[in-house]
């Protein structure tokens, strides 16, 4: 768990650099694509609903997004955490995906 969390921190920091330096040049209709949001959605869809690393990733992505934004600290943390919790709830309650069991 700790190893995955450290790897996630490195990935999220890299995404923060990409978001603030590269993605600002790709605005569509005045909006910039959010790579943090895409990362949070993909991670929580791929991860098993019982695991909680997706929630930690949402908190970290929100924190890094808040550091590099002009909004107050905690805004993106709450938004990303709410999205991750809703995805976890929906996948735990309504979606059954057959996962490959490790031997």
PDB file of N, CA and C in Angstrom:
ATOM      1  N   UNK A   1       0.821  -1.197   0.000  1.00  0.00           N
ATOM      2  CA  UNK A   1       0.000   0.000   0.000  1.00  0.00           C
ATOM      3  C   UNK A   1       0.860   1.254   0.000  1.00  0.00           C
ATOM      4  N   UNK A   2       1.913   1.259   0.810  1.00  0.00           N
ATOM      5  CA  UNK A   2       2.783   2.433   0.890  1.00  0.00           C
ATOM      6  C   UNK A   2       3.519   2.633  -0.433  1.00  0.00           C
ATOM      7  N   UNK A   3       3.939   1.534  -1.040  1.00  0.00           N
ATOM      8  CA  UNK A   3       4.648   1.636  -2.324  1.00  0.00           C
ATOM      9  C   UNK A   3       3.728   2.204  -3.404  1.00  0.00           C
ATOM     10  N   UNK A   4       2.477   1.741  -3.426  1.00  0.00           N
ATOM     11  CA  UNK A   4       1.523   2.260  -4.406  1.00  0.00           C
ATOM     12  C   UNK A   4       1.216   3.733  -4.150  1.00  0.00           C
ATOM     13  N   UNK A   5       1.167   4.119  -2.877  1.00  0.00           N
ATOM     14  CA  UNK A   5       0.885   5.514  -2.544  1.00  0.00           C
ATOM     15  C   UNK A   5       2.039   6.421  -2.971  1.00  0.00           C
ATOM     16  N   UNK A   6       3.257   5.975  -2.788  1.00  0.00           N
ATOM     17  CA  UNK A   6       4.417   6.769  -3.217  1.00  0.00           C
ATOM     18  C   UNK A   6       4.449   6.900  -4.739  1.00  0.00           C
ATOM     19  N   UNK A   7       4.148   5.817  -5.424  1.00  0.00           N
ATOM     20  CA  UNK A   7       4.090   5.869  -6.888  1.00  0.00           C
ATOM     21  C   UNK A   7       2.972   6.816  -7.335  1.00  0.00           C
ATOM     22  N   UNK A   8       1.850   6.792  -6.631  1.00  0.00           N
ATOM     23  CA  UNK A   8       0.742   7.694  -6.957  1.00  0.00           C
ATOM     24  C   UNK A   8       1.124   9.153  -6.738  1.00  0.00           C
ATOM     25  N   UNK A   9       1.872   9.431  -5.678  1.00  0.00           N
ATOM     26  CA  UNK A   9       2.326  10.801  -5.426  1.00  0.00           C
ATOM     27  C   UNK A   9       3.199  11.296  -6.562  1.00  0.00           C
ATOM     28  N   UNK A  10       4.089  10.450  -7.042  1.00  0.00           N
ATOM     29  CA  UNK A  10       4.969  10.836  -8.153  1.00  0.00           C
ATOM     30  C   UNK A  10       4.146  11.066  -9.424  1.00  0.00           C
ATOM     31  N   UNK A  11       3.189  10.193  -9.694  1.00  0.00           N
ATOM     32  CA  UNK A  11       2.343  10.343 -10.883  1.00  0.00           C
ATOM     33  C   UNK A  11       1.512  11.619 -10.803  1.00  0.00           C
ATOM     34  N   UNK A  12       0.945  11.877  -9.632  1.00  0.00           N
ATOM     35  CA  UNK A  12       0.104  13.067  -9.472  1.00  0.00           C
ATOM     36  C   UNK A  12       0.941  14.336  -9.571  1.00  0.00           C
ATOM     37  N   UNK A  13       2.156  14.320  -9.049  1.00  0.00           N
ATOM     38  CA  UNK A  13       3.023  15.491  -9.193  1.00  0.00           C
ATOM     39  C   UNK A  13       3.374  15.721 -10.665  1.00  0.00           C
ATOM     40  N   UNK A  14       3.648  14.651 -11.393  1.00  0.00           N
ATOM     41  CA  UNK A  14       3.918  14.769 -12.827  1.00  0.00           C
ATOM     42  C   UNK A  14       2.687  15.324 -13.554  1.00  0.00           C
ATOM     43  N   UNK A  15       1.500  14.852 -13.182  1.00  0.00           N
ATOM     44  CA  UNK A  15       0.273  15.374 -13.790  1.00  0.00           C
ATOM     45  C   UNK A  15       0.062  16.842 -13.458  1.00  0.00           C
ATOM     46  N   UNK A  16       0.467  17.250 -12.259  1.00  0.00           N
ATOM     47  CA  UNK A  16       0.360  18.668 -11.885  1.00  0.00           C
ATOM     48  C   UNK A  16       1.255  19.519 -12.776  1.00  0.00           C
ATOM     49  N   UNK A  17       2.446  19.038 -13.040  1.00  0.00           N
ATOM     50  CA  UNK A  17       3.345  19.777 -13.934  1.00  0.00           C
ATOM     51  C   UNK A  17       2.786  19.842 -15.354  1.00  0.00           C
ATOM     52  N   UNK A  18       2.228  18.737 -15.824  1.00  0.00           N
ATOM     53  CA  UNK A  18       1.631  18.712 -17.164  1.00  0.00           C
ATOM     54  C   UNK A  18       0.422  19.643 -17.224  1.00  0.00           C
ATOM     55  N   UNK A  19      -0.400  19.613 -16.189  1.00  0.00           N
ATOM     56  CA  UNK A  19      -1.607  20.441 -16.169  1.00  0.00           C
ATOM     57  C   UNK A  19      -1.269  21.930 -16.191  1.00  0.00           C
ATOM     58  N   UNK A  20      -0.301  22.338 -15.386  1.00  0.00           N
ATOM     59  CA  UNK A  20      -0.031  23.769 -15.259  1.00  0.00           C
ATOM     60  C   UNK A  20       0.880  24.319 -16.341  1.00  0.00           C
ATOM     61  N   UNK A  21       1.675  23.480 -16.977  1.00  0.00           N
ATOM     62  CA  UNK A  21       2.616  24.015 -17.953  1.00  0.00           C
ATOM     63  C   UNK A  21       2.263  23.667 -19.400  1.00  0.00           C
ATOM     64  N   UNK A  22       1.610  22.545 -19.619  1.00  0.00           N
ATOM     65  CA  UNK A  22       1.388  22.078 -20.982  1.00  0.00           C
ATOM     66  C   UNK A  22      -0.067  22.188 -21.414  1.00  0.00           C
ATOM     67  N   UNK A  23      -0.980  21.793 -20.539  1.00  0.00           N
ATOM     68  CA  UNK A  23      -2.389  21.732 -20.922  1.00  0.00           C
ATOM     69  C   UNK A  23      -3.048  23.108 -21.051  1.00  0.00           C
ATOM     70  N   UNK A  24      -2.444  24.151 -20.498  1.00  0.00           N
ATOM     71  CA  UNK A  24      -3.040  25.487 -20.603  1.00  0.00           C
ATOM     72  C   UNK A  24      -3.019  26.000 -22.034  1.00  0.00           C
ATOM     73  N   UNK A  25      -2.203  25.405 -22.859  1.00  0.00           N
ATOM     74  CA  UNK A  25      -2.124  25.817 -24.262  1.00  0.00           C
ATOM     75  C   UNK A  25      -3.200  25.147 -25.117  1.00  0.00           C
ATOM     76  N   UNK A  26      -3.937  24.204 -24.557  1.00  0.00           N
ATOM     77  CA  UNK A  26      -4.977  23.479 -25.277  1.00  0.00           C
ATOM     78  C   UNK A  26      -6.345  23.811 -24.698  1.00  0.00           C
ATOM     79  N   UNK A  27      -6.782  25.016 -24.923  1.00  0.00           N
ATOM     80  CA  UNK A  27      -8.107  25.390 -24.420  1.00  0.00           C
ATOM     81  C   UNK A  27      -9.132  25.205 -25.544  1.00  0.00           C
ATOM     82  N   UNK A  28     -10.256  24.580 -25.181  1.00  0.00           N
ATOM     83  CA  UNK A  28     -11.353  24.355 -26.103  1.00  0.00           C
ATOM     84  C   UNK A  28     -12.551  25.133 -25.593  1.00  0.00           C
ATOM     85  N   UNK A  29     -13.032  26.075 -26.389  1.00  0.00           N
ATOM     86  CA  UNK A  29     -14.157  26.927 -26.018  1.00  0.00           C
ATOM     87  C   UNK A  29     -13.903  27.623 -24.679  1.00  0.00           C
ATOM     88  N   UNK A  30     -12.659  28.003 -24.438  1.00  0.00           N
ATOM     89  CA  UNK A  30     -12.308  28.722 -23.221  1.00  0.00           C
ATOM     90  C   UNK A  30     -12.080  27.854 -22.002  1.00  0.00           C
ATOM     91  N   UNK A  31     -12.112  26.519 -22.157  1.00  0.00           N
ATOM     92  CA  UNK A  31     -11.909  25.611 -21.029  1.00  0.00           C
ATOM     93  C   UNK A  31     -10.665  24.759 -21.263  1.00  0.00           C
ATOM     94  N   UNK A  32      -9.941  24.498 -20.191  1.00  0.00           N
ATOM     95  CA  UNK A  32      -8.726  23.681 -20.257  1.00  0.00           C
ATOM     96  C   UNK A  32      -9.063  22.278 -19.761  1.00  0.00           C
ATOM     97  N   UNK A  33      -8.656  21.225 -20.485  1.00  0.00           N
ATOM     98  CA  UNK A  33      -8.907  19.860 -20.006  1.00  0.00           C
ATOM     99  C   UNK A  33      -8.209  19.613 -18.668  1.00  0.00           C
ATOM    100  N   UNK A  34      -8.879  18.892 -17.789  1.00  0.00           N
ATOM    101  CA  UNK A  34      -8.349  18.630 -16.459  1.00  0.00           C
ATOM    102  C   UNK A  34      -7.834  17.197 -16.403  1.00  0.00           C
ATOM    103  N   UNK A  35      -6.510  17.027 -16.375  1.00  0.00           N
ATOM    104  CA  UNK A  35      -5.929  15.695 -16.343  1.00  0.00           C
ATOM    105  C   UNK A  35      -6.098  15.043 -14.975  1.00  0.00           C
ATOM    106  N   UNK A  36      -6.229  15.847 -13.930  1.00  0.00           N
ATOM    107  CA  UNK A  36      -6.476  15.286 -12.600  1.00  0.00           C
ATOM    108  C   UNK A  36      -7.821  14.572 -12.564  1.00  0.00           C
ATOM    109  N   UNK A  37      -8.826  15.213 -13.115  1.00  0.00           N
ATOM    110  CA  UNK A  37     -10.160  14.630 -13.125  1.00  0.00           C
ATOM    111  C   UNK A  37     -10.173  13.328 -13.918  1.00  0.00           C
ATOM    112  N   UNK A  38      -9.505  13.322 -15.043  1.00  0.00           N
ATOM    113  CA  UNK A  38      -9.405  12.114 -15.851  1.00  0.00           C
ATOM    114  C   UNK A  38      -8.686  11.006 -15.088  1.00  0.00           C
ATOM    115  N   UNK A  39      -7.604  11.355 -14.382  1.00  0.00           N
ATOM    116  CA  UNK A  39      -6.860  10.383 -13.588  1.00  0.00           C
ATOM    117  C   UNK A  39      -7.723   9.807 -12.474  1.00  0.00           C
ATOM    118  N   UNK A  40      -8.472  10.649 -11.776  1.00  0.00           N
ATOM    119  CA  UNK A  40      -9.322  10.198 -10.675  1.00  0.00           C
ATOM    120  C   UNK A  40     -10.411   9.259 -11.192  1.00  0.00           C
ATOM    121  N   UNK A  41     -11.034   9.609 -12.293  1.00  0.00           N
ATOM    122  CA  UNK A  41     -12.102   8.776 -12.839  1.00  0.00           C
ATOM    123  C   UNK A  41     -11.551   7.431 -13.293  1.00  0.00           C
ATOM    124  N   UNK A  42     -10.454   7.439 -14.035  1.00  0.00           N
ATOM    125  CA  UNK A  42      -9.879   6.182 -14.523  1.00  0.00           C
ATOM    126  C   UNK A  42      -9.425   5.305 -13.363  1.00  0.00           C
ATOM    127  N   UNK A  43      -8.761   5.899 -12.369  1.00  0.00           N
ATOM    128  CA  UNK A  43      -8.256   5.103 -11.243  1.00  0.00           C
ATOM    129  C   UNK A  43      -9.407   4.447 -10.478  1.00  0.00           C
ATOM    130  N   UNK A  44     -10.472   5.188 -10.216  1.00  0.00           N
ATOM    131  CA  UNK A  44     -11.575   4.635  -9.443  1.00  0.00           C
ATOM    132  C   UNK A  44     -12.414   3.649 -10.243  1.00  0.00           C
ATOM    133  N   UNK A  45     -12.421   3.757 -11.555  1.00  0.00           N
ATOM    134  CA  UNK A  45     -13.136   2.782 -12.373  1.00  0.00           C
ATOM    135  C   UNK A  45     -12.358   1.475 -12.441  1.00  0.00           C
ATOM    136  N   UNK A  46     -11.037   1.562 -12.546  1.00  0.00           N
ATOM    137  CA  UNK A  46     -10.209   0.362 -12.662  1.00  0.00           C
ATOM    138  C   UNK A  46     -10.055  -0.356 -11.325  1.00  0.00           C
ATOM    139  N   UNK A  47      -9.959   0.405 -10.244  1.00  0.00           N
ATOM    140  CA  UNK A  47      -9.723  -0.179  -8.929  1.00  0.00           C
ATOM    141  C   UNK A  47     -10.961  -0.909  -8.410  1.00  0.00           C
ATOM    142  N   UNK A  48     -10.739  -1.936  -7.593  1.00  0.00           N
ATOM    143  CA  UNK A  48     -11.854  -2.633  -6.963  1.00  0.00           C
ATOM    144  C   UNK A  48     -12.593  -1.679  -6.034  1.00  0.00           C
ATOM    145  N   UNK A  49     -13.896  -1.817  -5.930  1.00  0.00           N
ATOM    146  CA  UNK A  49     -14.664  -0.890  -5.081  1.00  0.00           C
ATOM    147  C   UNK A  49     -14.307  -0.967  -3.596  1.00  0.00           C
ATOM    148  N   UNK A  50     -13.744  -2.074  -3.147  1.00  0.00           N
ATOM    149  CA  UNK A  50     -13.396  -2.210  -1.735  1.00  0.00           C
ATOM    150  C   UNK A  50     -12.110  -1.486  -1.364  1.00  0.00           C
ATOM    151  N   UNK A  51     -11.234  -1.248  -2.318  1.00  0.00           N
ATOM    152  CA  UNK A  51      -9.958  -0.580  -2.037  1.00  0.00           C
ATOM    153  C   UNK A  51     -10.173   0.916  -1.862  1.00  0.00           C
ATOM    154  N   UNK A  52      -9.278   1.534  -1.109  1.00  0.00           N
ATOM    155  CA  UNK A  52      -9.450   2.961  -0.819  1.00  0.00           C
ATOM    156  C   UNK A  52      -8.324   3.832  -1.367  1.00  0.00           C
ATOM    157  N   UNK A  53      -7.452   3.278  -2.180  1.00  0.00           N
ATOM    158  CA  UNK A  53      -6.357   4.075  -2.730  1.00  0.00           C
ATOM    159  C   UNK A  53      -6.881   5.156  -3.681  1.00  0.00           C
ATOM    160  N   UNK A  54      -7.997   4.905  -4.325  1.00  0.00           N
ATOM    161  CA  UNK A  54      -8.598   5.917  -5.197  1.00  0.00           C
ATOM    162  C   UNK A  54      -9.034   7.161  -4.436  1.00  0.00           C
ATOM    163  N   UNK A  55      -9.478   6.980  -3.202  1.00  0.00           N
ATOM    164  CA  UNK A  55      -9.850   8.128  -2.377  1.00  0.00           C
ATOM    165  C   UNK A  55      -8.622   8.930  -1.977  1.00  0.00           C
ATOM    166  N   UNK A  56      -7.544   8.233  -1.618  1.00  0.00           N
ATOM    167  CA  UNK A  56      -6.294   8.930  -1.298  1.00  0.00           C
ATOM    168  C   UNK A  56      -5.751   9.677  -2.505  1.00  0.00           C
ATOM    169  N   UNK A  57      -5.871   9.056  -3.681  1.00  0.00           N
ATOM    170  CA  UNK A  57      -5.425   9.725  -4.898  1.00  0.00           C
ATOM    171  C   UNK A  57      -6.271  10.964  -5.187  1.00  0.00           C
ATOM    172  N   UNK A  58      -7.553  10.901  -4.896  1.00  0.00           N
ATOM    173  CA  UNK A  58      -8.420  12.066  -5.100  1.00  0.00           C
ATOM    174  C   UNK A  58      -8.005  13.205  -4.176  1.00  0.00           C
ATOM    175  N   UNK A  59      -7.674  12.887  -2.928  1.00  0.00           N
ATOM    176  CA  UNK A  59      -7.231  13.912  -1.984  1.00  0.00           C
ATOM    177  C   UNK A  59      -5.903  14.512  -2.437  1.00  0.00           C
ATOM    178  N   UNK A  60      -4.967  13.657  -2.854  1.00  0.00           N
ATOM    179  CA  UNK A  60      -3.664  14.159  -3.318  1.00  0.00           C
ATOM    180  C   UNK A  60      -3.796  14.996  -4.583  1.00  0.00           C
ATOM    181  N   UNK A  61      -4.599  14.530  -5.528  1.00  0.00           N
ATOM    182  CA  UNK A  61      -4.785  15.290  -6.770  1.00  0.00           C
ATOM    183  C   UNK A  61      -5.455  16.627  -6.492  1.00  0.00           C
ATOM    184  N   UNK A  62      -6.412  16.639  -5.593  1.00  0.00           N
ATOM    185  CA  UNK A  62      -7.053  17.892  -5.223  1.00  0.00           C
ATOM    186  C   UNK A  62      -6.092  18.840  -4.531  1.00  0.00           C
ATOM    187  N   UNK A  63      -5.235  18.295  -3.675  1.00  0.00           N
ATOM    188  CA  UNK A  63      -4.250  19.130  -2.986  1.00  0.00           C
ATOM    189  C   UNK A  63      -3.259  19.746  -3.965  1.00  0.00           C
ATOM    190  N   UNK A  64      -2.725  18.932  -4.875  1.00  0.00           N
ATOM    191  CA  UNK A  64      -1.793  19.472  -5.862  1.00  0.00           C
ATOM    192  C   UNK A  64      -2.482  20.451  -6.804  1.00  0.00           C
ATOM    193  N   UNK A  65      -3.727  20.179  -7.149  1.00  0.00           N
ATOM    194  CA  UNK A  65      -4.468  21.101  -7.995  1.00  0.00           C
ATOM    195  C   UNK A  65      -4.730  22.422  -7.274  1.00  0.00           C
ATOM    196  N   UNK A  66      -4.994  22.357  -5.975  1.00  0.00           N
ATOM    197  CA  UNK A  66      -5.197  23.573  -5.194  1.00  0.00           C
ATOM    198  C   UNK A  66      -3.920  24.383  -5.053  1.00  0.00           C
ATOM    199  N   UNK A  67      -2.806  23.711  -4.929  1.00  0.00           N
ATOM    200  CA  UNK A  67      -1.528  24.424  -4.791  1.00  0.00           C
ATOM    201  C   UNK A  67      -1.238  25.255  -6.032  1.00  0.00           C
ATOM    202  N   UNK A  68      -1.533  24.691  -7.206  1.00  0.00           N
ATOM    203  CA  UNK A  68      -1.207  25.371  -8.454  1.00  0.00           C
ATOM    204  C   UNK A  68      -2.360  26.211  -9.003  1.00  0.00           C
ATOM    205  N   UNK A  69      -3.452  26.380  -8.271  1.00  0.00           N
ATOM    206  CA  UNK A  69      -4.575  27.165  -8.776  1.00  0.00           C
ATOM    207  C   UNK A  69      -4.715  28.461  -7.987  1.00  0.00           C
ATOM    208  N   UNK A  70      -5.656  29.282  -8.418  1.00  0.00           N
ATOM    209  CA  UNK A  70      -5.884  30.563  -7.748  1.00  0.00           C
ATOM    210  C   UNK A  70      -7.037  30.490  -6.758  1.00  0.00           C
ATOM    211  N   UNK A  71      -7.746  29.376  -6.712  1.00  0.00           N
ATOM    212  CA  UNK A  71      -8.850  29.218  -5.760  1.00  0.00           C
ATOM    213  C   UNK A  71      -8.299  28.963  -4.359  1.00  0.00           C
ATOM    214  N   UNK A  72      -9.199  28.982  -3.388  1.00  0.00           N
ATOM    215  CA  UNK A  72      -8.763  28.734  -2.025  1.00  0.00           C
ATOM    216  C   UNK A  72      -8.438  27.247  -1.830  1.00  0.00           C
ATOM    217  N   UNK A  73      -7.573  26.975  -0.871  1.00  0.00           N
ATOM    218  CA  UNK A  73      -7.114  25.610  -0.612  1.00  0.00           C
ATOM    219  C   UNK A  73      -8.282  24.782  -0.067  1.00  0.00           C
ATOM    220  N   UNK A  74      -8.514  23.656  -0.679  1.00  0.00           N
ATOM    221  CA  UNK A  74      -9.563  22.752  -0.245  1.00  0.00           C
ATOM    222  C   UNK A  74     -10.710  22.630  -1.224  1.00  0.00           C
ATOM    223  N   UNK A  75     -10.824  23.546  -2.168  1.00  0.00           N
ATOM    224  CA  UNK A  75     -11.926  23.504  -3.125  1.00  0.00           C
ATOM    225  C   UNK A  75     -11.828  22.269  -4.011  1.00  0.00           C
ATOM    226  N   UNK A  76     -10.691  22.074  -4.642  1.00  0.00           N
ATOM    227  CA  UNK A  76     -10.522  20.924  -5.535  1.00  0.00           C
ATOM    228  C   UNK A  76     -10.446  19.618  -4.764  1.00  0.00           C
ATOM    229  N   UNK A  77      -9.937  19.653  -3.544  1.00  0.00           N
ATOM    230  CA  UNK A  77      -9.916  18.444  -2.718  1.00  0.00           C
ATOM    231  C   UNK A  77     -11.336  17.950  -2.494  1.00  0.00           C
ATOM    232  N   UNK A  78     -12.242  18.855  -2.149  1.00  0.00           N
ATOM    233  CA  UNK A  78     -13.631  18.465  -1.911  1.00  0.00           C
ATOM    234  C   UNK A  78     -14.312  17.967  -3.184  1.00  0.00           C
ATOM    235  N   UNK A  79     -14.048  18.631  -4.294  1.00  0.00           N
ATOM    236  CA  UNK A  79     -14.661  18.229  -5.564  1.00  0.00           C
ATOM    237  C   UNK A  79     -14.172  16.845  -5.985  1.00  0.00           C
ATOM    238  N   UNK A  80     -12.861  16.632  -5.971  1.00  0.00           N
ATOM    239  CA  UNK A  80     -12.303  15.346  -6.401  1.00  0.00           C
ATOM    240  C   UNK A  80     -12.676  14.225  -5.446  1.00  0.00           C
ATOM    241  N   UNK A  81     -12.707  14.512  -4.146  1.00  0.00           N
ATOM    242  CA  UNK A  81     -13.089  13.498  -3.172  1.00  0.00           C
ATOM    243  C   UNK A  81     -14.564  13.122  -3.335  1.00  0.00           C
ATOM    244  N   UNK A  82     -15.408  14.096  -3.607  1.00  0.00           N
ATOM    245  CA  UNK A  82     -16.825  13.803  -3.835  1.00  0.00           C
ATOM    246  C   UNK A  82     -17.010  12.948  -5.081  1.00  0.00           C
ATOM    247  N   UNK A  83     -16.274  13.237  -6.135  1.00  0.00           N
ATOM    248  CA  UNK A  83     -16.357  12.446  -7.362  1.00  0.00           C
ATOM    249  C   UNK A  83     -15.899  11.020  -7.099  1.00  0.00           C
ATOM    250  N   UNK A  84     -14.802  10.863  -6.364  1.00  0.00           N
ATOM    251  CA  UNK A  84     -14.293   9.520  -6.062  1.00  0.00           C
ATOM    252  C   UNK A  84     -15.264   8.736  -5.188  1.00  0.00           C
ATOM    253  N   UNK A  85     -15.875   9.387  -4.210  1.00  0.00           N
ATOM    254  CA  UNK A  85     -16.837   8.699  -3.338  1.00  0.00           C
ATOM    255  C   UNK A  85     -18.075   8.285  -4.125  1.00  0.00           C
ATOM    256  N   UNK A  86     -18.547   9.155  -5.002  1.00  0.00           N
ATOM    257  CA  UNK A  86     -19.714   8.814  -5.819  1.00  0.00           C
ATOM    258  C   UNK A  86     -19.399   7.645  -6.744  1.00  0.00           C
ATOM    259  N   UNK A  87     -18.217   7.652  -7.365  1.00  0.00           N
ATOM    260  CA  UNK A  87     -17.834   6.536  -8.226  1.00  0.00           C
ATOM    261  C   UNK A  87     -17.705   5.242  -7.441  1.00  0.00           C
ATOM    262  N   UNK A  88     -17.108   5.299  -6.258  1.00  0.00           N
ATOM    263  CA  UNK A  88     -16.985   4.098  -5.414  1.00  0.00           C
ATOM    264  C   UNK A  88     -18.365   3.566  -5.042  1.00  0.00           C
ATOM    265  N   UNK A  89     -19.258   4.464  -4.657  1.00  0.00           N
ATOM    266  CA  UNK A  89     -20.616   4.050  -4.287  1.00  0.00           C
ATOM    267  C   UNK A  89     -21.334   3.403  -5.463  1.00  0.00           C
ATOM    268  N   UNK A  90     -21.264   4.037  -6.627  1.00  0.00           N
ATOM    269  CA  UNK A  90     -21.963   3.499  -7.796  1.00  0.00           C
ATOM    270  C   UNK A  90     -21.407   2.145  -8.208  1.00  0.00           C
ATOM    271  N   UNK A  91     -20.086   2.001  -8.187  1.00  0.00           N
ATOM    272  CA  UNK A  91     -19.498   0.732  -8.597  1.00  0.00           C
ATOM    273  C   UNK A  91     -19.718  -0.362  -7.559  1.00  0.00           C
ATOM    274  N   UNK A  92     -19.757   0.010  -6.288  1.00  0.00           N
ATOM    275  CA  UNK A  92     -20.000  -0.998  -5.259  1.00  0.00           C
ATOM    276  C   UNK A  92     -21.464  -1.435  -5.265  1.00  0.00           C
ATOM    277  N   UNK A  93     -22.350  -0.524  -5.541  1.00  0.00           N
ATOM    278  CA  UNK A  93     -23.777  -0.805  -5.427  1.00  0.00           C
ATOM    279  C   UNK A  93     -24.389  -1.370  -6.704  1.00  0.00           C
ATOM    280  N   UNK A  94     -24.009  -0.841  -7.860  1.00  0.00           N
ATOM    281  CA  UNK A  94     -24.737  -1.151  -9.081  1.00  0.00           C
ATOM    282  C   UNK A  94     -23.960  -1.896 -10.156  1.00  0.00           C
ATOM    283  N   UNK A  95     -22.652  -1.921 -10.098  1.00  0.00           N
ATOM    284  CA  UNK A  95     -21.872  -2.518 -11.182  1.00  0.00           C
ATOM    285  C   UNK A  95     -21.160  -3.747 -10.664  1.00  0.00           C
ATOM    286  N   UNK A  96     -21.273  -4.828 -11.383  1.00  0.00           N
ATOM    287  CA  UNK A  96     -20.564  -6.061 -11.055  1.00  0.00           C
ATOM    288  C   UNK A  96     -19.591  -6.361 -12.187  1.00  0.00           C
ATOM    289  N   UNK A  97     -18.314  -6.218 -11.909  1.00  0.00           N
ATOM    290  CA  UNK A  97     -17.284  -6.491 -12.894  1.00  0.00           C
ATOM    291  C   UNK A  97     -16.515  -7.703 -12.414  1.00  0.00           C
ATOM    292  N   UNK A  98     -16.424  -8.751 -13.235  1.00  0.00           N
ATOM    293  CA  UNK A  98     -15.675  -9.925 -12.801  1.00  0.00           C
ATOM    294  C   UNK A  98     -14.172  -9.644 -12.834  1.00  0.00           C
ATOM    295  N   UNK A  99     -13.554  -9.626 -11.664  1.00  0.00           N
ATOM    296  CA  UNK A  99     -12.132  -9.405 -11.571  1.00  0.00           C
ATOM    297  C   UNK A  99     -11.396 -10.730 -11.611  1.00  0.00           C
ATOM    298  N   UNK A 100     -10.200 -10.710 -12.141  1.00  0.00           N
ATOM    299  CA  UNK A 100      -9.375 -11.906 -12.193  1.00  0.00           C
ATOM    300  C   UNK A 100      -8.791 -12.121 -10.807  1.00  0.00           C
ATOM    301  N   UNK A 101      -9.054 -13.270 -10.239  1.00  0.00           N
ATOM    302  CA  UNK A 101      -8.542 -13.593  -8.903  1.00  0.00           C
ATOM    303  C   UNK A 101      -7.100 -14.065  -9.024  1.00  0.00           C
ATOM    304  N   UNK A 102      -6.261 -13.546  -8.125  1.00  0.00           N
ATOM    305  CA  UNK A 102      -4.868 -13.978  -8.105  1.00  0.00           C
ATOM    306  C   UNK A 102      -4.783 -15.311  -7.379  1.00  0.00           C
ATOM    307  N   UNK A 103      -3.964 -16.206  -7.911  1.00  0.00           N
ATOM    308  CA  UNK A 103      -3.827 -17.540  -7.299  1.00  0.00           C
ATOM    309  C   UNK A 103      -2.876 -17.526  -6.130  1.00  0.00           C
TER     310      UNK A 103
END
